[in-house]
Amino acid sequence: MALKSGEDIVVESAVRLHRRQLLQMLAAGTALALVPGVTAGPAHAQETPAKGGVLRVSAPFNPSSLDPVTSGAGSDHMILYSLYDTLVDFEPATLQPRPGLSTEWKFETPTRLVMTLREGVKFHDGTDFDAEAVKANLDRALNHPRSTAKGDLASVKSVEVIDSHRVAINTDRPDTALPLILADRPGMMVSPTAFNEAPERFIDRTPVGTGPFSFVRWNDGDVVEMKRFDGYWEDGIPYLDGIVFRIITDLNTGLRSVIAGESDFVYRLNPQQKLVADRMGDRVVVRSSPTIANYHIVFNYAKAPLNDERVRQAINYAVDRDAFNKAALLGLGTVAQTMLPPGYWAHDSSLDGFYKLDRGKARALLAEAGYPDGFELKYYSNADQSSQQRAEVIMEQLRQVGIRCVLTTGSNADMFQRFMVQGEGDAMMVNWTGRPDPVQCFLFIYGEQGANNAGKVPPPKDLADAIAAAQAGVTQDERKPAFARAERAALEHALSCEVAFVPGIEVHGKNVGGYEPSLLGKPKFNRLFLKA
């Protein structure tokens, strides 16, 4: 790296500074006030976008798949967004729906959603985007043996072509979450020509969408490259000639690459890197924005010992969320109880503090469950330094109630495959980045077909009923009581262990224009440009 030695010292030593000093230095930083519509950091300047150039992005994770139907890791979104358009889009700051490949939609009945599709859209291989393509994509998402979208689309009964640019989605129950579900991976459209003619795993490695950029190459653990799609439907977009995602799993190295001018953008940084980046303000732009992303521990409760509710409750009482926030997030996070953060419209504030640190109660629950001397827990984690540090904090907290963790680490994609798909291990800490509609959180984590439900265990009846009620409500006021019931059910059954919500921290060069932070904490690069 073309850096002065002193800067290397700053990066490498920052995490070793005394915690009190770090907190004092960051005291003036952005608080995590998670209220939809509020964003932190300066809005991008209203300037005429320049055309051309290749954006170099430091990406902390190798993708699990470039097929939205088989992709499962939340970190895949940042690459998928540029390759695939979604049927519905959303406002970055509020997550409110807006037109995407569908220009308008309406529920003709509570169980029939009719979507009008954008005309004149082509897939990267020249295939027409039309109602038949939408039906083929949704049918594939529902029936593909490796689909991670089945849980999100669990209410869908059939997809019907009305005419060339209108499609009806029929559900077996009311599901007002469906439009925003189609703003996520289930709504990313793949060329039917590509997935019908290609071998089984072709789309995993060779994506064909309608997005502003088309695929060039993916070298595992090294680079994902894409180029401008000249046939894109929106005039003037994209501004860039291409994007190169360099896979740099060490966040310190990724940050150094931006400071040195070797990369233009790095995302998903931790507070430790923000401390360093703040010192380099003359070279880079540092952004810290509220998100609905949180660190949580997911359980495989299809097997012992975590098939016992008392064991899962014991883990929740054993975790010191305040200590985790201070040790792993430098106090910049917000303690979590459920997947919905304080201040968010769907969250029930009466549930804050549901699980407080109580080691005595944790030990009593373990004894009641038949583990008076504790037990051995197979704990999975990503292999990067920050993930292992977070794992060490949790493992030490669990050790204090007799739970002895055996740690297994690997790449993000490998850990997802082994834990979520193959069902290895007992528990794993995940950075859950949320979804456009809050019902997706419950479907994805707790739904029987949810991609992050490692054991594919059906949700308890009280939770399933609450999820269905949240899908049936039309307005936020109608849906909010159902989400409160869903939150409470997830807590009472201890189906996961929510730990802390985190800000979205991104750093980019001063030559980058057009960036808007997202409440999901997942950057979209489609409208970025490089200043002349």
Protein backbone atom coordinates (compact mmCIF):
# COMPACT_ATOMS: atom_id res chain seq x y z
CA MET A 1 0.00 0.00 0.00
CA ALA A 2 1.25 3.46 -0.87
CA LEU A 3 0.92 4.85 2.65
CA LYS A 4 3.23 6.61 5.05
CA SER A 5 4.41 4.40 7.87
CA GLY A 6 2.73 6.63 10.46
CA GLU A 7 -0.67 6.02 8.88
CA ASP A 8 -0.12 2.28 9.01
CA ILE A 9 0.61 2.64 12.71
CA VAL A 10 -2.64 4.57 13.24
CA VAL A 11 -4.70 1.87 11.52
CA GLU A 12 -3.07 -1.08 13.23
CA SER A 13 -2.96 0.43 16.70
CA ALA A 14 -6.41 2.02 16.85
CA VAL A 15 -8.13 -1.07 18.16
CA ARG A 16 -5.54 -1.32 20.93
CA LEU A 17 -6.22 2.11 22.39
CA HIS A 18 -7.68 2.14 25.86
CA ARG A 19 -11.45 1.82 25.59
CA ARG A 20 -12.08 4.89 27.73
CA GLN A 21 -9.94 6.97 25.39
CA LEU A 22 -11.77 5.62 22.35
CA LEU A 23 -15.14 6.45 23.81
CA GLN A 24 -14.04 9.95 24.72
CA MET A 25 -12.69 10.52 21.21
CA LEU A 26 -15.91 9.24 19.65
CA ALA A 27 -18.26 10.99 22.07
CA ALA A 28 -19.12 13.60 19.44
CA GLY A 29 -19.87 10.96 16.81
CA THR A 30 -23.24 10.08 15.33
CA ALA A 31 -25.76 8.62 17.77
CA LEU A 32 -27.86 5.73 16.56
CA ALA A 33 -31.28 7.39 16.61
CA LEU A 34 -33.11 4.87 14.49
CA VAL A 35 -36.10 6.78 13.25
CA PRO A 36 -37.15 6.20 9.61
CA GLY A 37 -36.58 9.29 7.52
CA VAL A 38 -33.65 10.56 9.56
CA THR A 39 -30.22 10.21 7.99
CA ALA A 40 -26.83 11.15 9.29
CA GLY A 41 -23.96 12.71 7.40
CA PRO A 42 -24.03 15.37 4.70
CA ALA A 43 -26.35 14.99 1.75
CA HIS A 44 -24.50 14.73 -1.53
CA ALA A 45 -24.02 17.97 -3.36
CA GLN A 46 -26.41 18.86 -6.13
CA GLU A 47 -23.91 18.80 -8.94
CA THR A 48 -24.01 17.63 -12.55
CA PRO A 49 -22.91 13.99 -12.63
CA ALA A 50 -19.83 13.26 -14.70
CA LYS A 51 -19.87 10.36 -17.14
CA GLY A 52 -17.30 7.61 -17.32
CA GLY A 53 -14.75 5.95 -15.10
CA VAL A 54 -14.68 2.71 -13.13
CA LEU A 55 -15.66 2.73 -9.45
CA ARG A 56 -13.30 0.62 -7.32
CA VAL A 57 -15.09 -0.78 -4.28
CA SER A 58 -13.50 -2.59 -1.35
CA ALA A 59 -16.00 -5.36 -0.49
CA PRO A 60 -15.53 -7.17 2.84
CA PHE A 61 -17.22 -10.42 1.77
CA ASN A 62 -17.00 -12.84 -1.12
CA PRO A 63 -20.54 -13.42 -2.46
CA SER A 64 -22.38 -16.61 -1.57
CA SER A 65 -24.04 -16.58 -5.01
CA LEU A 66 -24.83 -14.06 -7.76
CA ASP A 67 -28.25 -15.61 -8.30
CA PRO A 68 -30.83 -13.77 -6.16
CA VAL A 69 -32.85 -16.98 -5.76
CA THR A 70 -29.96 -18.99 -4.28
CA SER A 71 -28.09 -16.12 -2.62
CA GLY A 72 -28.51 -16.10 1.14
CA ALA A 73 -25.95 -13.80 2.74
CA GLY A 74 -27.13 -10.24 3.38
CA SER A 75 -23.74 -9.00 2.22
CA ASP A 76 -24.56 -10.18 -1.32
CA HIS A 77 -27.05 -7.33 -1.81
CA MET A 78 -24.41 -4.70 -2.51
CA ILE A 79 -23.30 -6.61 -5.62
CA LEU A 80 -26.73 -7.89 -6.66
CA TYR A 81 -28.27 -4.39 -6.64
CA SER A 82 -26.17 -3.32 -9.64
CA LEU A 83 -26.87 -6.46 -11.69
CA TYR A 84 -30.60 -6.79 -11.06
CA ASP A 85 -33.53 -4.40 -10.94
CA THR A 86 -36.37 -5.25 -8.57
CA LEU A 87 -40.08 -5.16 -9.32
CA VAL A 88 -40.48 -2.52 -6.59
CA ASP A 89 -37.82 -0.06 -5.44
CA PHE A 90 -37.65 1.85 -2.13
CA GLU A 91 -36.59 5.23 -0.80
CA PRO A 92 -33.16 4.79 0.85
CA ALA A 93 -33.88 6.96 3.90
CA THR A 94 -37.39 5.70 4.71
CA LEU A 95 -37.76 2.31 2.97
CA GLN A 96 -41.06 3.51 1.52
CA PRO A 97 -41.89 1.76 -1.79
CA ARG A 98 -41.45 3.47 -5.13
CA PRO A 99 -41.67 2.25 -8.76
CA GLY A 100 -39.07 -0.18 -10.04
CA LEU A 101 -39.65 -2.59 -12.90
CA SER A 102 -43.29 -2.27 -11.91
CA THR A 103 -44.62 1.24 -12.47
CA GLU A 104 -47.73 0.74 -10.34
CA TRP A 105 -49.46 -1.94 -8.30
CA LYS A 106 -52.69 -2.39 -6.42
CA PHE A 107 -54.56 -5.03 -4.46
CA GLU A 108 -57.72 -5.74 -6.44
CA THR A 109 -58.79 -7.92 -3.52
CA PRO A 110 -56.96 -8.63 -0.25
CA THR A 111 -55.46 -11.74 -1.91
CA ARG A 112 -54.82 -10.49 -5.47
CA LEU A 113 -52.01 -8.05 -6.27
CA VAL A 114 -51.94 -6.70 -9.83
CA MET A 115 -48.70 -5.15 -11.08
CA THR A 116 -48.25 -3.02 -14.20
CA LEU A 117 -44.78 -3.54 -15.67
CA ARG A 118 -42.38 -1.09 -17.25
CA GLU A 119 -42.24 -1.40 -21.04
CA GLY A 120 -39.14 -1.37 -23.24
CA VAL A 121 -36.91 -3.15 -20.70
CA LYS A 122 -34.34 -5.72 -21.85
CA PHE A 123 -32.28 -8.27 -19.98
CA HIS A 124 -28.52 -8.14 -20.52
CA ASP A 125 -28.78 -11.05 -23.02
CA GLY A 126 -31.43 -9.24 -25.11
CA THR A 127 -34.43 -11.15 -23.73
CA ASP A 128 -37.55 -9.00 -23.33
CA PHE A 129 -38.73 -8.21 -19.81
CA ASP A 130 -42.48 -8.84 -19.70
CA ALA A 131 -45.21 -10.54 -17.68
CA GLU A 132 -44.08 -14.01 -18.78
CA ALA A 133 -40.60 -13.23 -17.43
CA VAL A 134 -42.05 -12.13 -14.08
CA LYS A 135 -44.12 -15.30 -13.80
CA ALA A 136 -41.10 -17.44 -14.68
CA ASN A 137 -38.98 -15.69 -12.05
CA LEU A 138 -41.54 -15.94 -9.25
CA ASP A 139 -42.33 -19.57 -10.08
CA ARG A 140 -38.62 -20.31 -9.98
CA ALA A 141 -38.25 -18.54 -6.61
CA LEU A 142 -41.09 -20.66 -5.25
CA ASN A 143 -39.93 -24.00 -6.65
CA HIS A 144 -36.15 -23.97 -7.05
CA PRO A 145 -34.73 -26.64 -4.70
CA ARG A 146 -32.09 -24.23 -3.38
CA SER A 147 -34.31 -21.15 -3.25
CA THR A 148 -33.76 -18.85 -0.28
CA ALA A 149 -36.84 -16.82 -1.29
CA LYS A 150 -39.48 -19.45 -0.51
CA GLY A 151 -40.02 -18.13 3.00
CA ASP A 152 -40.56 -14.55 1.82
CA LEU A 153 -43.08 -15.76 -0.77
CA ALA A 154 -44.84 -18.27 1.48
CA SER A 155 -48.23 -16.57 0.97
CA VAL A 156 -48.06 -16.77 -2.85
CA LYS A 157 -50.46 -19.34 -4.34
CA SER A 158 -50.09 -18.60 -8.05
CA VAL A 159 -48.79 -16.07 -10.55
CA GLU A 160 -51.01 -15.18 -13.49
CA VAL A 161 -50.16 -13.38 -16.74
CA ILE A 162 -52.96 -10.91 -17.55
CA ASP A 163 -51.37 -9.45 -20.67
CA SER A 164 -47.85 -8.70 -21.88
CA HIS A 165 -47.18 -6.09 -19.19
CA ARG A 166 -49.58 -6.92 -16.39
CA VAL A 167 -49.26 -9.74 -13.91
CA ALA A 168 -51.42 -10.86 -10.98
CA ILE A 169 -50.02 -12.47 -7.85
CA ASN A 170 -52.63 -14.52 -6.00
CA THR A 171 -52.06 -15.30 -2.33
CA ASP A 172 -53.67 -17.74 0.07
CA ARG A 173 -54.07 -15.01 2.69
CA PRO A 174 -53.81 -11.20 2.75
CA ASP A 175 -50.19 -10.06 2.45
CA THR A 176 -49.69 -6.30 2.31
CA ALA A 177 -45.94 -6.84 2.82
CA LEU A 178 -45.67 -8.32 -0.67
CA PRO A 179 -44.78 -5.11 -2.60
CA LEU A 180 -41.77 -4.43 -0.37
CA ILE A 181 -40.84 -8.13 -0.36
CA LEU A 182 -40.57 -7.66 -4.14
CA ALA A 183 -38.13 -4.81 -3.49
CA ASP A 184 -35.73 -7.44 -2.16
CA ARG A 185 -34.18 -10.58 -3.67
CA PRO A 186 -37.53 -12.24 -4.52
CA GLY A 187 -38.23 -9.28 -6.82
CA MET A 188 -34.87 -9.30 -8.60
CA MET A 189 -35.51 -10.38 -12.18
CA VAL A 190 -33.24 -12.90 -13.95
CA SER A 191 -33.36 -13.59 -17.68
CA PRO A 192 -35.60 -16.66 -18.24
CA THR A 193 -33.51 -17.48 -21.29
CA ALA A 194 -30.45 -17.74 -19.07
CA PHE A 195 -31.94 -19.92 -16.35
CA ASN A 196 -33.90 -22.14 -18.75
CA GLU A 197 -31.00 -22.89 -21.07
CA ALA A 198 -28.13 -22.89 -18.58
CA PRO A 199 -26.82 -25.69 -16.37
CA GLU A 200 -28.19 -25.90 -12.81
CA ARG A 201 -25.63 -23.61 -11.17
CA PHE A 202 -24.98 -21.29 -14.13
CA ILE A 203 -26.77 -18.24 -12.71
CA ASP A 204 -24.89 -18.63 -9.41
CA ARG A 205 -21.72 -17.76 -11.29
CA THR A 206 -22.92 -15.96 -14.45
CA PRO A 207 -25.77 -13.55 -13.61
CA VAL A 208 -28.04 -12.07 -16.28
CA GLY A 209 -30.37 -9.33 -15.05
CA THR A 210 -31.83 -6.01 -16.21
CA GLY A 211 -29.68 -3.83 -13.94
CA PRO A 212 -27.57 -0.86 -15.03
CA PHE A 213 -24.44 -3.03 -15.02
CA SER A 214 -23.81 -6.39 -16.68
CA PHE A 215 -21.53 -9.15 -15.45
CA VAL A 216 -17.91 -9.49 -16.58
CA ARG A 217 -16.19 -11.89 -14.17
CA TRP A 218 -16.06 -13.27 -10.64
CA ASN A 219 -12.81 -14.63 -9.27
CA ASP A 220 -13.56 -16.19 -5.90
CA GLY A 221 -12.14 -14.26 -2.98
CA ASP A 222 -10.55 -11.75 -5.34
CA VAL A 223 -12.79 -9.63 -7.57
CA VAL A 224 -16.27 -9.20 -9.04
CA GLU A 225 -16.27 -7.00 -12.14
CA MET A 226 -19.17 -5.52 -14.08
CA LYS A 227 -19.56 -3.03 -16.90
CA ARG A 228 -22.09 -0.43 -18.02
CA PHE A 229 -25.18 -1.93 -19.66
CA ASP A 230 -25.73 0.37 -22.63
CA GLY A 231 -29.26 -0.94 -23.15
CA TYR A 232 -30.46 0.13 -19.70
CA TRP A 233 -34.04 1.44 -19.67
CA GLU A 234 -33.44 4.66 -17.70
CA ASP A 235 -31.92 7.45 -19.77
CA GLY A 236 -28.49 8.58 -18.59
CA ILE A 237 -28.02 5.77 -16.05
CA PRO A 238 -25.47 4.52 -15.21
CA TYR A 239 -22.92 7.30 -15.16
CA LEU A 240 -20.03 4.92 -14.57
CA ASP A 241 -18.36 2.74 -17.19
CA GLY A 242 -18.11 -0.06 -14.68
CA ILE A 243 -17.64 -1.23 -11.10
CA VAL A 244 -14.90 -3.46 -9.72
CA PHE A 245 -15.54 -5.03 -6.31
CA ARG A 246 -12.25 -6.07 -4.78
CA ILE A 247 -12.79 -8.68 -2.07
CA ILE A 248 -10.78 -7.38 0.91
CA THR A 249 -11.97 -9.19 4.02
CA ASP A 250 -9.72 -7.29 6.43
CA LEU A 251 -11.49 -3.99 7.11
CA ASN A 252 -8.30 -2.18 8.09
CA THR A 253 -6.78 -3.10 4.74
CA GLY A 254 -9.95 -2.05 2.92
CA LEU A 255 -9.92 1.32 4.65
CA ARG A 256 -6.23 1.81 3.90
CA SER A 257 -6.92 1.15 0.24
CA VAL A 258 -9.39 4.09 0.15
CA ILE A 259 -7.10 6.40 2.11
CA ALA A 260 -4.31 5.54 -0.32
CA GLY A 261 -6.52 6.18 -3.36
CA GLU A 262 -6.33 2.56 -4.49
CA SER A 263 -10.06 2.08 -3.90
CA ASP A 264 -12.86 4.63 -4.11
CA PHE A 265 -15.36 3.21 -1.60
CA VAL A 266 -15.44 0.87 1.40
CA TYR A 267 -18.53 -0.16 3.39
CA ARG A 268 -19.67 -2.16 6.43
CA LEU A 269 -16.89 -0.68 8.54
CA ASN A 270 -16.72 -1.03 12.31
CA PRO A 271 -16.39 1.83 14.82
CA GLN A 272 -12.68 1.04 15.12
CA GLN A 273 -12.17 1.96 11.46
CA LYS A 274 -14.32 5.08 11.80
CA LEU A 275 -11.92 6.36 14.43
CA VAL A 276 -9.08 6.05 11.94
CA ALA A 277 -11.04 7.47 9.01
CA ASP A 278 -12.08 10.52 11.02
CA ARG A 279 -8.42 11.42 11.30
CA MET A 280 -8.10 11.32 7.52
CA GLY A 281 -10.91 13.77 6.82
CA ASP A 282 -8.74 15.81 4.50
CA ARG A 283 -8.51 12.83 2.15
CA VAL A 284 -11.83 11.00 2.43
CA VAL A 285 -15.52 11.42 3.21
CA VAL A 286 -16.67 9.54 6.32
CA ARG A 287 -20.36 8.70 6.70
CA SER A 288 -22.13 7.25 9.74
CA SER A 289 -25.85 6.73 9.25
CA PRO A 290 -28.64 5.14 11.29
CA THR A 291 -29.62 1.66 10.13
CA ILE A 292 -31.90 -1.16 11.18
CA ALA A 293 -28.97 -3.59 11.05
CA ASN A 294 -28.05 -5.52 14.17
CA TYR A 295 -25.77 -8.22 15.48
CA HIS A 296 -27.73 -11.22 16.62
CA ILE A 297 -27.07 -14.85 17.47
CA VAL A 298 -29.13 -17.27 15.43
CA PHE A 299 -29.82 -20.74 16.79
CA ASN A 300 -30.24 -24.13 15.19
CA TYR A 301 -33.08 -25.23 17.42
CA ALA A 302 -33.90 -28.34 15.41
CA LYS A 303 -31.51 -30.32 17.60
CA ALA A 304 -30.25 -30.53 21.17
CA PRO A 305 -29.31 -28.60 23.18
CA LEU A 306 -30.98 -25.59 21.56
CA ASN A 307 -34.24 -27.39 20.85
CA ASP A 308 -34.98 -26.70 24.52
CA GLU A 309 -36.55 -23.27 24.99
CA ARG A 310 -35.02 -22.98 28.47
CA VAL A 311 -31.50 -23.29 27.04
CA ARG A 312 -32.17 -20.53 24.54
CA GLN A 313 -33.60 -18.35 27.29
CA ALA A 314 -30.52 -19.03 29.41
CA ILE A 315 -28.28 -17.77 26.61
CA ASN A 316 -30.36 -14.59 26.37
CA TYR A 317 -29.97 -13.99 30.12
CA ALA A 318 -26.23 -14.76 29.96
CA VAL A 319 -25.41 -12.19 27.27
CA ASP A 320 -24.37 -8.78 28.59
CA ARG A 321 -25.53 -6.54 25.76
CA ASP A 322 -24.18 -3.33 27.30
CA ALA A 323 -20.73 -4.86 27.72
CA PHE A 324 -20.80 -6.14 24.13
CA ASN A 325 -21.72 -2.69 22.85
CA LYS A 326 -18.84 -1.07 24.73
CA ALA A 327 -16.24 -3.72 23.96
CA ALA A 328 -17.08 -4.55 20.34
CA LEU A 329 -18.79 -1.37 19.09
CA LEU A 330 -17.06 1.30 21.20
CA GLY A 331 -20.44 2.27 22.62
CA LEU A 332 -21.73 3.46 19.24
CA GLY A 333 -24.39 0.75 19.02
CA THR A 334 -27.82 0.50 20.62
CA VAL A 335 -28.73 -2.48 22.77
CA ALA A 336 -31.17 -4.81 20.99
CA GLN A 337 -33.95 -7.01 22.27
CA THR A 338 -35.79 -7.81 19.03
CA MET A 339 -34.97 -7.42 15.35
CA LEU A 340 -36.87 -4.12 15.28
CA PRO A 341 -34.89 -1.20 16.73
CA PRO A 342 -35.96 1.45 19.26
CA GLY A 343 -37.70 4.33 17.50
CA TYR A 344 -38.73 2.19 14.52
CA TRP A 345 -42.45 2.39 13.73
CA ALA A 346 -43.09 -1.35 14.10
CA HIS A 347 -41.23 -1.80 17.41
CA ASP A 348 -43.01 -2.14 20.78
CA SER A 349 -40.98 -0.08 23.26
CA SER A 350 -42.53 -1.93 26.22
CA LEU A 351 -40.30 -4.88 25.27
CA ASP A 352 -37.07 -2.93 25.78
CA GLY A 353 -35.16 -4.64 28.56
CA PHE A 354 -37.06 -7.93 28.22
CA TYR A 355 -33.80 -9.82 28.72
CA LYS A 356 -31.41 -8.27 31.24
CA LEU A 357 -28.13 -9.81 32.30
CA ASP A 358 -28.97 -12.38 34.99
CA ARG A 359 -26.38 -15.13 35.29
CA GLY A 360 -28.18 -16.72 38.24
CA LYS A 361 -31.35 -17.10 36.21
CA ALA A 362 -29.34 -18.42 33.26
CA ARG A 363 -27.73 -21.13 35.43
CA ALA A 364 -31.09 -22.04 36.96
CA LEU A 365 -32.67 -22.46 33.52
CA LEU A 366 -29.75 -24.63 32.38
CA ALA A 367 -30.11 -26.83 35.47
CA GLU A 368 -33.86 -27.09 34.89
CA ALA A 369 -33.17 -28.19 31.30
CA GLY A 370 -30.80 -30.93 32.54
CA TYR A 371 -27.47 -29.10 32.18
CA PRO A 372 -26.47 -28.21 35.77
CA ASP A 373 -22.79 -28.28 34.77
CA GLY A 374 -23.35 -26.47 31.50
CA PHE A 375 -22.67 -27.94 28.07
CA GLU A 376 -20.52 -27.59 24.97
CA LEU A 377 -21.83 -25.25 22.25
CA LYS A 378 -20.62 -25.36 18.65
CA TYR A 379 -20.28 -21.66 17.86
CA TYR A 380 -19.71 -20.47 14.27
CA SER A 381 -18.21 -17.13 13.21
CA ASN A 382 -16.69 -15.41 10.23
CA ALA A 383 -12.91 -15.57 10.21
CA ASP A 384 -12.08 -11.86 9.96
CA GLN A 385 -10.51 -10.21 12.99
CA SER A 386 -13.53 -8.10 13.97
CA SER A 387 -15.92 -11.08 13.80
CA GLN A 388 -13.61 -13.16 15.94
CA GLN A 389 -13.33 -10.36 18.48
CA ARG A 390 -17.13 -10.19 18.71
CA ALA A 391 -17.22 -13.97 19.07
CA GLU A 392 -14.69 -13.86 21.90
CA VAL A 393 -16.82 -11.37 23.83
CA ILE A 394 -19.93 -13.58 23.55
CA MET A 395 -18.03 -16.79 24.25
CA GLU A 396 -16.57 -15.36 27.46
CA GLN A 397 -20.00 -14.21 28.60
CA LEU A 398 -21.45 -17.67 27.98
CA ARG A 399 -18.51 -19.31 29.74
CA GLN A 400 -19.49 -17.52 32.93
CA VAL A 401 -22.72 -19.55 33.11
CA GLY A 402 -21.08 -22.85 32.15
CA ILE A 403 -21.59 -22.84 28.38
CA ARG A 404 -18.28 -23.86 26.80
CA CYS A 405 -18.06 -22.67 23.19
CA VAL A 406 -16.06 -24.49 20.53
CA LEU A 407 -15.34 -21.93 17.80
CA THR A 408 -15.40 -22.69 14.06
CA THR A 409 -14.53 -19.89 11.62
CA GLY A 410 -14.49 -19.40 7.86
CA SER A 411 -15.49 -16.99 5.13
CA ASN A 412 -18.93 -15.38 5.25
CA ALA A 413 -20.17 -17.47 2.30
CA ASP A 414 -18.71 -20.68 3.75
CA MET A 415 -20.22 -20.12 7.18
CA PHE A 416 -23.64 -19.37 5.67
CA GLN A 417 -23.50 -22.58 3.65
CA ARG A 418 -22.34 -24.74 6.53
CA PHE A 419 -24.61 -23.31 9.24
CA MET A 420 -27.77 -22.19 7.45
CA VAL A 421 -27.88 -24.69 4.58
CA GLN A 422 -26.11 -27.81 5.82
CA GLY A 423 -27.29 -27.43 9.43
CA GLU A 424 -23.87 -27.67 11.06
CA GLY A 425 -23.23 -26.08 14.44
CA ASP A 426 -25.49 -24.78 17.20
CA ALA A 427 -25.23 -20.96 17.11
CA MET A 428 -23.76 -18.25 14.91
CA MET A 429 -23.52 -14.48 15.21
CA VAL A 430 -24.86 -12.74 12.11
CA ASN A 431 -24.95 -9.09 11.11
CA TRP A 432 -28.64 -9.01 10.19
CA THR A 433 -29.15 -6.05 7.89
CA GLY A 434 -32.92 -5.95 7.92
CA ARG A 435 -35.28 -5.84 4.96
CA PRO A 436 -37.54 -3.20 3.35
CA ASP A 437 -40.67 -4.54 5.11
CA PRO A 438 -40.32 -5.62 8.76
CA VAL A 439 -42.39 -8.78 8.20
CA GLN A 440 -39.46 -10.12 6.18
CA CYS A 441 -37.32 -10.16 9.32
CA PHE A 442 -39.68 -12.64 10.95
CA LEU A 443 -40.14 -14.71 7.79
CA PHE A 444 -36.41 -14.85 7.01
CA ILE A 445 -35.26 -15.73 10.53
CA TYR A 446 -38.19 -17.65 12.01
CA GLY A 447 -40.30 -18.80 9.05
CA GLU A 448 -40.21 -22.53 8.32
CA GLN A 449 -38.63 -21.85 4.92
CA GLY A 450 -36.64 -18.85 6.14
CA ALA A 451 -33.08 -18.85 4.83
CA ASN A 452 -31.71 -18.07 8.31
CA ASN A 453 -33.82 -20.73 10.05
CA ALA A 454 -31.05 -23.32 10.03
CA GLY A 455 -33.23 -26.16 11.33
CA LYS A 456 -36.27 -25.25 9.19
CA VAL A 457 -38.44 -25.57 12.31
CA PRO A 458 -42.00 -24.17 11.95
CA PRO A 459 -42.57 -21.05 14.09
CA PRO A 460 -44.67 -21.42 17.25
CA LYS A 461 -48.38 -20.84 16.64
CA ASP A 462 -48.50 -17.50 18.48
CA LEU A 463 -45.65 -16.20 16.32
CA ALA A 464 -47.12 -17.60 13.09
CA ASP A 465 -50.49 -15.98 13.88
CA ALA A 466 -48.83 -12.64 14.61
CA ILE A 467 -46.87 -12.74 11.34
CA ALA A 468 -50.07 -13.48 9.41
CA ALA A 469 -51.81 -10.55 11.14
CA ALA A 470 -48.91 -8.24 10.26
CA GLN A 471 -49.25 -9.29 6.63
CA ALA A 472 -53.01 -8.68 6.68
CA GLY A 473 -52.87 -5.12 8.03
CA VAL A 474 -52.90 -2.29 5.52
CA THR A 475 -51.73 0.78 7.44
CA GLN A 476 -48.87 1.05 9.93
CA ASP A 477 -51.39 1.63 12.72
CA GLU A 478 -53.18 -1.60 11.79
CA ARG A 479 -49.97 -3.60 11.55
CA LYS A 480 -48.16 -2.30 14.64
CA PRO A 481 -50.08 -4.43 17.23
CA ALA A 482 -49.34 -7.55 15.22
CA PHE A 483 -45.63 -6.75 15.14
CA ALA A 484 -45.71 -6.23 18.92
CA ARG A 485 -47.19 -9.72 19.28
CA ALA A 486 -44.56 -11.15 16.92
CA GLU A 487 -41.75 -9.49 18.87
CA ARG A 488 -43.07 -10.78 22.18
CA ALA A 489 -43.51 -14.32 20.84
CA ALA A 490 -39.96 -14.38 19.48
CA LEU A 491 -38.65 -13.17 22.85
CA GLU A 492 -40.71 -15.55 24.97
CA HIS A 493 -39.64 -18.53 22.88
CA ALA A 494 -36.07 -17.12 22.70
CA LEU A 495 -35.80 -17.99 19.01
CA SER A 496 -32.67 -15.86 18.65
CA CYS A 497 -30.51 -13.61 20.78
CA GLU A 498 -30.54 -9.99 19.59
CA VAL A 499 -27.48 -8.10 20.81
CA ALA A 500 -26.95 -4.60 19.35
CA PHE A 501 -27.97 -2.34 16.48
CA VAL A 502 -25.13 -0.71 14.57
CA PRO A 503 -24.64 2.41 12.46
CA GLY A 504 -23.79 2.11 8.79
CA ILE A 505 -20.22 3.35 8.40
CA GLU A 506 -18.89 4.01 4.90
CA VAL A 507 -15.81 5.85 3.67
CA HIS A 508 -15.26 7.03 0.13
CA GLY A 509 -12.91 9.24 -1.81
CA LYS A 510 -13.73 12.88 -2.35
CA ASN A 511 -13.95 12.08 -6.05
CA VAL A 512 -17.16 10.06 -5.49
CA GLY A 513 -20.49 11.81 -6.03
CA GLY A 514 -24.16 10.91 -5.83
CA TYR A 515 -24.11 8.62 -2.80
CA GLU A 516 -27.21 8.30 -0.58
CA PRO A 517 -26.98 6.22 2.63
CA SER A 518 -29.71 3.64 3.19
CA LEU A 519 -31.59 2.76 6.35
CA LEU A 520 -30.69 -0.86 5.53
CA GLY A 521 -26.99 -0.02 5.72
CA LYS A 522 -26.53 -1.51 2.23
CA PRO A 523 -25.02 0.88 -0.32
CA LYS A 524 -26.39 1.05 -3.84
CA PHE A 525 -23.86 2.18 -6.42
CA ASN A 526 -26.11 2.55 -9.46
CA ARG A 527 -26.24 6.36 -9.44
CA LEU A 528 -22.76 7.11 -8.25
CA PHE A 529 -20.33 9.00 -10.43
CA LEU A 530 -16.68 9.97 -10.33
CA LYS A 531 -16.03 13.68 -10.31
CA ALA A 532 -13.83 15.06 -13.03
